[in-house]
Each structure stands twice: as structure tokens, then as C-alpha cells.
Amino acid sequence: MTIKVALAGAGAFGIKHLDAIKLIDGVEVVSLVSRDLGKTKEVADRYGIGHVTTDLGDSLAIKEVDAVILCTPTQMHAAQAVACLKADKHVQVEIPLADSLRDAYRVVQMQENTGLVAMCGHTRRFNPSHQWVRRRITAGEFNLQQLDVQTYFFRRTNMNALGQPRSWTDHLLWHHAAHTVDLFAYQARSPIVKANAIQGPIHPQLGIAMDMSIQLKAANGAICTLSLSFNNDGPLGTFFRYIGDTGTYIARYDDLFTGREEKIDVSQVDVSTNGIELQDREFFAAIREGREPNASVAQVLPCYEVLHDLGRQLAEG
């Protein structure tokens, strides 16, 4: 059976998912949703997608659509995920699940009510680099002592990952920090019991903090230090340093190195070296197998509870 998919959001991340799905057998994107009809048609033509709309409801009304991938602005994630589940569609929502804890709870509750597959795009769980480290952890060969993370971009204007202007504002805490908060608890295999945050000045036009520092501690004693910035003028991206009792590893997206910058071969970790493709493969496999996926909305909920607490700290100054 071919899984028929509607994809909402034909921007930078939507394109990454479309490229990944082309590599996965038994899956077809049949509907593309985005706010600019002309640009959406261009993308649809490029990928051979027959149905184009600016209204997610149009796609949800298509009976043959089995599942939806949401690559829309953060502020729309929770409401759209709930709408997909109400329409009896499996859903994968790009990170973050929501921009408030209340909305994250709403999505989890709707998933429990429907029993459908609902997954969040916490890609770090799927990158081969992080998978390689996790295998050492689960085998008892590496105990994580500290995770040191830098998440650095240069976004003093409102741009997406392709350097194009966008209509919505990104957020260091409810988007970029979510990756690390979830990954730290996942790799430590222990819940976060302490979290602290401070932030720099609020940008006068974007209305968000451009710099932030976060400290985390897991119940097993492991710690995490996360530095985030939209003011950093290169190198750009997120870099993870795993410090443990038997080694040090540096992860740069799908690539992994020792602490001495010796490259580690992760090509045999999974069927692909593309984290987005592996994430999508998990989503479709869970649908076929009728099981909970890795990074289900229920599994990532503790991350959003921590973000809620951190947001409260920052609001209180």
C-alpha cells in the first residue's frame, strides 16, 4: 500500500522533506499546501505533485490522504496538528510541537483520543552522528558527563534557512533550544531535574531575544550547557560536544568527529546518512506497523515542560 501524503509549508524545510520522501519507497506526496499559490505551484511542478492549495482544510478533505507533514510557521503547529488528527490523518509536525505548554498538551491529548501516529520532528534523535553516540551509551561503553552545545545563526533580519525573507519570527527557546533539551534527556537516558536560563536584550524590531544561555541537569548527574545566538557571524549551525568517561565526540549535524577532530565513519549506522530522511522513514514505518514512533508527541512532551519552565524564568527576569 502506498502512503499518500499532504505536505504543508513549501519553504526551506518543506523542500528538505520533499527531497527525502523521493528516496522512500511506497510513499507519494499528493497535495502541497503553502500560502503563496504561485510559488507553491512551482514547487509542486518540480516534484510532480498534482494538488496545490493555500488551505490545509482542502488537503484534509482529500479522502486518499493518509498522513500530513507540517512544515509551517511555529505558531500554527499545534492547531494544525490537532486539525489533522481530527480529520483522521496521521501527522508529523516539524519542531517545535507548539509554542506553549498548553498547546503541546492539546496535541498529546488528541493523539491519545484518536490512536493515530503523531510525531514531532526532533531530528537530532535521527542524525547518524547522534545515533552512533547513543549506541555506545546504551551498550554501556560511554557514560555522558556533559553535553556542550552551540546553536549559532546570523539572523538580524527575518530570514529562513535559505536566506529568504519570511512572514513569521523564529524563536531561540521554543524552536532551537527544543532540539538540545530533548536530545540531552534522550542521550542521558534520564529526565531533566534542573534548568536555568538567561537571555540578552530584546531585538527592537523582531521582538525576541537574540542571545540566550541555558544550563540543564539530568537526574543521573549529567549536565548540559547550551549557548544560542542570532547575532553570530559564522561559523553557523549547531555543534554538539559530548564529554564522557571514555571519550569526547563532536557532532555536526549528520557528521561525527573525535575530540581531536578525527572523523568517525557513521555511514553504516542506518540506511541513510540524512537525518531528515531517517526521521521521515520512522514516521512512515510507524504508520505501516501501527506503533508509536521514536519522537512521538508523548515522548517529546517533557522537553516542552522544561521549555515552559525556562520561559517563565526568562519572563520573570
Protein backbone atom coordinates (compact mmCIF):
# COMPACT_ATOMS: atom_id res chain seq x y z
CA MET A 1 0.00 0.00 0.00
CA THR A 2 1.28 3.44 -0.96
CA ILE A 3 1.04 6.00 1.82
CA LYS A 4 -0.46 9.20 0.38
CA VAL A 5 0.89 12.38 1.98
CA ALA A 6 -0.08 16.04 2.12
CA LEU A 7 2.78 18.41 2.93
CA ALA A 8 2.08 21.86 4.34
CA GLY A 9 4.77 24.52 4.03
CA ALA A 10 6.77 24.67 0.80
CA GLY A 11 9.65 26.66 2.32
CA ALA A 12 13.20 25.61 3.18
CA PHE A 13 12.26 22.69 5.42
CA GLY A 14 9.36 21.56 3.29
CA ILE A 15 11.81 21.13 0.40
CA LYS A 16 14.09 19.01 2.62
CA HIS A 17 11.17 16.68 3.35
CA LEU A 18 10.17 16.50 -0.32
CA ASP A 19 13.74 15.55 -1.25
CA ALA A 20 13.79 12.90 1.49
CA ILE A 21 10.44 11.37 0.53
CA LYS A 22 11.66 10.87 -3.07
CA LEU A 23 14.12 8.33 -1.61
CA ILE A 24 11.48 6.35 0.33
CA ASP A 25 9.57 3.56 -1.42
CA GLY A 26 5.81 3.31 -1.07
CA VAL A 27 5.20 6.96 -0.23
CA GLU A 28 3.70 9.62 -2.50
CA VAL A 29 3.09 13.33 -1.87
CA VAL A 30 -0.30 14.05 -3.45
CA SER A 31 -1.05 17.52 -2.05
CA LEU A 32 1.06 20.59 -1.34
CA VAL A 33 -0.12 23.46 0.87
CA SER A 34 1.51 26.87 1.21
CA ARG A 35 0.43 30.50 1.49
CA ASP A 36 1.73 31.73 -1.92
CA LEU A 37 -0.16 29.80 -4.59
CA GLY A 38 2.18 30.74 -7.43
CA LYS A 39 5.35 29.65 -5.65
CA THR A 40 3.61 26.54 -4.35
CA LYS A 41 2.64 25.53 -7.90
CA GLU A 42 6.28 25.94 -8.98
CA VAL A 43 7.43 23.57 -6.23
CA ALA A 44 4.58 21.13 -6.95
CA ASP A 45 5.50 21.01 -10.63
CA ARG A 46 9.13 20.33 -9.74
CA TYR A 47 8.16 17.36 -7.57
CA GLY A 48 5.23 16.05 -9.63
CA ILE A 49 2.56 16.86 -7.02
CA GLY A 50 -0.93 17.05 -8.50
CA HIS A 51 -2.91 19.04 -5.94
CA VAL A 52 -1.98 22.54 -4.76
CA THR A 53 -3.81 24.77 -2.29
CA THR A 54 -3.34 27.58 0.21
CA ASP A 55 -5.79 25.98 2.70
CA LEU A 56 -4.81 22.95 4.78
CA GLY A 57 -8.52 22.11 5.06
CA ASP A 58 -8.61 21.39 1.31
CA SER A 59 -5.90 18.77 1.72
CA LEU A 60 -7.52 17.24 4.80
CA ALA A 61 -10.74 16.83 2.80
CA ILE A 62 -8.98 14.55 0.29
CA LYS A 63 -10.03 11.04 1.27
CA GLU A 64 -6.92 9.33 -0.10
CA VAL A 65 -4.58 11.42 2.08
CA ASP A 66 -3.30 9.14 4.86
CA ALA A 67 -0.79 11.43 6.54
CA VAL A 68 0.30 15.05 6.77
CA ILE A 69 3.73 16.60 7.33
CA LEU A 70 3.58 20.13 8.76
CA CYS A 71 6.48 22.46 7.91
CA THR A 72 4.50 25.61 8.64
CA PRO A 73 5.27 28.56 10.96
CA THR A 74 5.75 27.61 14.61
CA GLN A 75 2.64 29.48 15.75
CA MET A 76 0.44 27.23 13.57
CA HIS A 77 1.89 23.84 14.58
CA ALA A 78 -0.37 22.80 17.45
CA ALA A 79 -3.70 23.89 15.92
CA GLN A 80 -2.83 22.29 12.58
CA ALA A 81 -1.67 19.05 14.23
CA VAL A 82 -4.97 18.84 16.11
CA ALA A 83 -6.88 19.52 12.87
CA CYS A 84 -5.02 16.70 11.10
CA LEU A 85 -5.80 14.22 13.87
CA LYS A 86 -9.46 15.31 13.95
CA ALA A 87 -9.57 14.63 10.20
CA ASP A 88 -8.30 11.08 10.84
CA LYS A 89 -4.85 11.74 9.35
CA HIS A 90 -1.54 10.67 10.84
CA VAL A 91 0.67 13.71 11.39
CA GLN A 92 4.32 14.65 11.67
CA VAL A 93 4.81 18.23 12.83
CA GLU A 94 8.18 19.89 12.43
CA ILE A 95 9.90 21.08 15.58
CA PRO A 96 8.63 22.65 17.77
CA LEU A 97 5.44 20.78 18.62
CA ALA A 98 3.94 24.03 19.94
CA ASP A 99 4.95 27.43 21.27
CA SER A 100 3.18 26.91 24.60
CA LEU A 101 2.89 24.01 27.02
CA ARG A 102 -0.91 24.21 26.99
CA ASP A 103 -0.97 23.67 23.22
CA ALA A 104 1.56 20.83 23.46
CA TYR A 105 -0.77 19.09 25.93
CA ARG A 106 -3.67 19.59 23.49
CA VAL A 107 -1.84 17.74 20.72
CA VAL A 108 -0.82 14.87 23.01
CA GLN A 109 -4.39 14.54 24.28
CA MET A 110 -5.78 14.44 20.73
CA GLN A 111 -3.27 11.75 19.77
CA GLU A 112 -4.34 9.68 22.78
CA ASN A 113 -8.00 10.14 21.82
CA THR A 114 -7.51 9.07 18.19
CA GLY A 115 -4.72 6.48 18.49
CA LEU A 116 -3.18 7.83 15.28
CA VAL A 117 0.55 8.27 14.72
CA ALA A 118 1.60 11.76 15.82
CA MET A 119 5.30 12.57 15.73
CA CYS A 120 7.42 15.68 16.14
CA GLY A 121 10.49 16.47 14.05
CA HIS A 122 13.16 16.19 16.72
CA THR A 123 15.77 15.43 14.07
CA ARG A 124 18.71 15.06 16.46
CA ARG A 125 17.29 11.68 17.56
CA PHE A 126 17.79 10.50 13.95
CA ASN A 127 21.07 12.08 12.79
CA PRO A 128 23.58 9.21 12.33
CA SER A 129 26.12 11.12 14.44
CA HIS A 130 23.85 11.18 17.50
CA GLN A 131 22.63 7.63 16.82
CA TRP A 132 26.26 6.43 16.88
CA VAL A 133 26.83 8.04 20.29
CA ARG A 134 23.54 6.66 21.63
CA ARG A 135 24.52 3.12 20.67
CA ARG A 136 27.69 3.46 22.72
CA ILE A 137 25.64 4.81 25.63
CA THR A 138 23.05 2.02 25.51
CA ALA A 139 25.82 -0.59 25.22
CA GLY A 140 27.39 0.76 28.42
CA GLU A 141 30.56 1.80 26.58
CA PHE A 142 30.15 5.56 27.12
CA ASN A 143 28.61 7.45 30.03
CA LEU A 144 27.65 11.03 29.24
CA GLN A 145 29.05 13.53 31.74
CA GLN A 146 28.47 16.80 29.89
CA LEU A 147 26.88 17.92 26.63
CA ASP A 148 28.21 21.29 25.46
CA VAL A 149 26.19 22.82 22.61
CA GLN A 150 26.49 25.93 20.46
CA THR A 151 23.49 26.94 18.32
CA TYR A 152 24.63 29.90 16.24
CA PHE A 153 22.98 31.79 13.38
CA PHE A 154 23.28 35.26 11.85
CA ARG A 155 19.66 36.43 11.64
CA ARG A 156 19.44 40.13 12.39
CA THR A 157 16.68 40.26 9.79
CA ASN A 158 13.81 37.78 9.46
CA MET A 159 15.24 35.15 7.11
CA ASN A 160 14.71 31.40 6.67
CA ALA A 161 17.36 28.70 6.26
CA LEU A 162 17.69 29.57 2.56
CA GLY A 163 18.30 33.26 3.31
CA GLN A 164 14.84 34.25 2.07
CA PRO A 165 12.53 36.71 3.88
CA ARG A 166 9.72 35.06 5.82
CA SER A 167 6.41 36.06 7.33
CA TRP A 168 6.91 34.77 10.87
CA THR A 169 9.51 35.13 13.63
CA ASP A 170 11.72 32.25 14.70
CA HIS A 171 12.45 31.72 18.41
CA LEU A 172 15.62 30.65 20.19
CA LEU A 173 13.82 29.00 23.12
CA TRP A 174 10.72 27.39 21.61
CA HIS A 175 12.48 26.17 18.48
CA HIS A 176 16.24 25.96 18.60
CA ALA A 177 16.61 25.12 22.30
CA ALA A 178 13.98 22.40 21.89
CA HIS A 179 16.42 20.34 19.82
CA THR A 180 19.03 20.28 22.58
CA VAL A 181 16.69 19.98 25.58
CA ASP A 182 15.12 16.87 24.07
CA LEU A 183 18.41 15.39 22.86
CA PHE A 184 20.11 15.84 26.24
CA ALA A 185 17.43 13.91 28.15
CA TYR A 186 17.29 11.30 25.35
CA GLN A 187 21.06 10.70 25.36
CA ALA A 188 21.45 10.94 29.14
CA ARG A 189 18.55 8.46 29.38
CA SER A 190 17.49 10.42 32.42
CA PRO A 191 14.89 13.18 32.98
CA ILE A 192 15.92 16.81 33.37
CA VAL A 193 15.56 17.85 37.00
CA LYS A 194 17.12 21.32 36.94
CA ALA A 195 17.07 24.03 34.27
CA ASN A 196 18.30 27.63 34.28
CA ALA A 197 18.22 30.31 31.57
CA ILE A 198 19.34 33.89 30.96
CA GLN A 199 18.91 35.99 27.84
CA GLY A 200 20.31 39.11 26.24
CA PRO A 201 18.47 42.25 25.05
CA ILE A 202 15.19 42.02 23.12
CA HIS A 203 15.55 42.98 19.44
CA PRO A 204 13.56 46.21 18.84
CA GLN A 205 12.01 45.03 15.53
CA LEU A 206 11.82 41.22 15.87
CA GLY A 207 10.66 41.36 19.49
CA ILE A 208 12.76 38.36 20.60
CA ALA A 209 15.99 37.82 22.50
CA MET A 210 18.89 37.33 20.09
CA ASP A 211 21.20 35.64 22.63
CA MET A 212 20.48 33.05 25.29
CA SER A 213 22.30 30.72 27.68
CA ILE A 214 20.77 27.57 29.19
CA GLN A 215 22.02 25.10 31.81
CA LEU A 216 20.45 21.68 32.36
CA LYS A 217 21.00 18.83 34.81
CA ALA A 218 19.64 15.29 34.49
CA ALA A 219 18.58 13.09 37.38
CA ASN A 220 21.64 10.87 36.81
CA GLY A 221 24.01 13.84 37.31
CA ALA A 222 24.85 14.61 33.66
CA ILE A 223 24.90 18.32 32.77
CA CYS A 224 24.34 20.35 29.61
CA THR A 225 25.44 23.86 28.67
CA LEU A 226 23.68 25.44 25.68
CA SER A 227 24.61 28.76 24.08
CA LEU A 228 22.30 30.22 21.42
CA SER A 229 22.66 33.32 19.24
CA PHE A 230 21.11 35.01 16.22
CA ASN A 231 23.95 37.58 16.33
CA ASN A 232 26.81 35.21 15.48
CA ASP A 233 28.53 35.92 12.15
CA GLY A 234 29.90 32.41 11.46
CA PRO A 235 30.53 29.56 11.66
CA LEU A 236 26.78 28.88 11.50
CA GLY A 237 24.80 25.89 12.75
CA THR A 238 24.60 23.73 15.83
CA PHE A 239 27.61 21.89 17.22
CA PHE A 240 27.46 19.27 19.98
CA ARG A 241 30.40 18.23 22.14
CA TYR A 242 29.77 15.01 24.07
CA ILE A 243 32.11 14.67 27.05
CA GLY A 244 32.06 11.26 28.71
CA ASP A 245 34.06 8.85 30.80
CA THR A 246 35.62 7.05 27.83
CA GLY A 247 35.89 9.71 25.15
CA THR A 248 34.88 13.03 23.64
CA TYR A 249 32.82 13.33 20.46
CA ILE A 250 31.81 16.33 18.36
CA ALA A 251 28.63 16.09 16.29
CA ARG A 252 27.95 18.49 13.43
CA TYR A 253 24.52 17.54 12.09
CA ASP A 254 25.00 14.14 10.39
CA ASP A 255 28.81 14.11 10.79
CA LEU A 256 30.78 12.97 13.85
CA PHE A 257 34.36 13.54 14.99
CA THR A 258 36.50 12.66 17.99
CA GLY A 259 37.55 15.43 20.35
CA ARG A 260 40.78 15.56 18.35
CA GLU A 261 38.84 16.23 15.11
CA GLU A 262 39.33 12.73 13.69
CA LYS A 263 36.31 11.87 11.53
CA ILE A 264 34.24 8.86 12.62
CA ASP A 265 32.57 6.76 9.91
CA VAL A 266 28.81 6.78 10.58
CA SER A 267 27.79 5.52 7.12
CA GLN A 268 26.74 2.10 8.47
CA VAL A 269 24.66 3.40 11.38
CA ASP A 270 21.42 3.46 9.39
CA VAL A 271 20.07 3.10 5.84
CA SER A 272 20.87 6.75 5.10
CA THR A 273 23.19 9.47 6.38
CA ASN A 274 20.44 12.11 6.07
CA GLY A 275 18.71 12.81 9.40
CA ILE A 276 15.55 14.22 7.78
CA GLU A 277 15.16 11.15 5.58
CA LEU A 278 15.62 8.85 8.61
CA GLN A 279 13.07 10.89 10.54
CA ASP A 280 10.55 10.52 7.70
CA ARG A 281 11.28 6.81 7.36
CA GLU A 282 10.43 6.37 11.05
CA PHE A 283 7.14 8.22 10.59
CA PHE A 284 6.02 6.06 7.68
CA ALA A 285 7.27 2.84 9.30
CA ALA A 286 5.24 3.60 12.43
CA ILE A 287 2.12 4.11 10.30
CA ARG A 288 2.64 0.81 8.47
CA GLU A 289 3.44 -1.10 11.66
CA GLY A 290 0.74 0.52 13.81
CA ARG A 291 3.18 1.51 16.56
CA GLU A 292 4.41 4.55 18.45
CA PRO A 293 7.28 6.27 16.61
CA ASN A 294 10.52 7.46 18.09
CA ALA A 295 9.92 11.19 18.86
CA SER A 296 6.18 10.69 19.27
CA VAL A 297 4.39 13.72 20.66
CA ALA A 298 4.08 11.92 24.01
CA GLN A 299 7.82 11.14 24.15
CA VAL A 300 8.88 14.74 23.48
CA LEU A 301 6.35 16.34 25.85
CA PRO A 302 8.86 16.54 28.76
CA CYS A 303 11.02 18.80 26.56
CA TYR A 304 8.19 21.32 26.32
CA GLU A 305 7.59 21.17 30.05
CA VAL A 306 11.23 22.23 30.53
CA LEU A 307 10.88 24.99 27.89
CA HIS A 308 7.79 26.25 29.73
CA ASP A 309 9.74 26.48 32.99
CA LEU A 310 12.65 28.23 31.24
CA GLY A 311 10.27 30.69 29.57
CA ARG A 312 8.77 31.51 32.95
CA GLN A 313 12.26 32.17 34.37
CA LEU A 314 13.10 34.49 31.48
CA ALA A 315 9.80 36.38 31.80
CA GLU A 316 10.50 36.97 35.48
CA GLY A 317 13.93 38.36 34.64
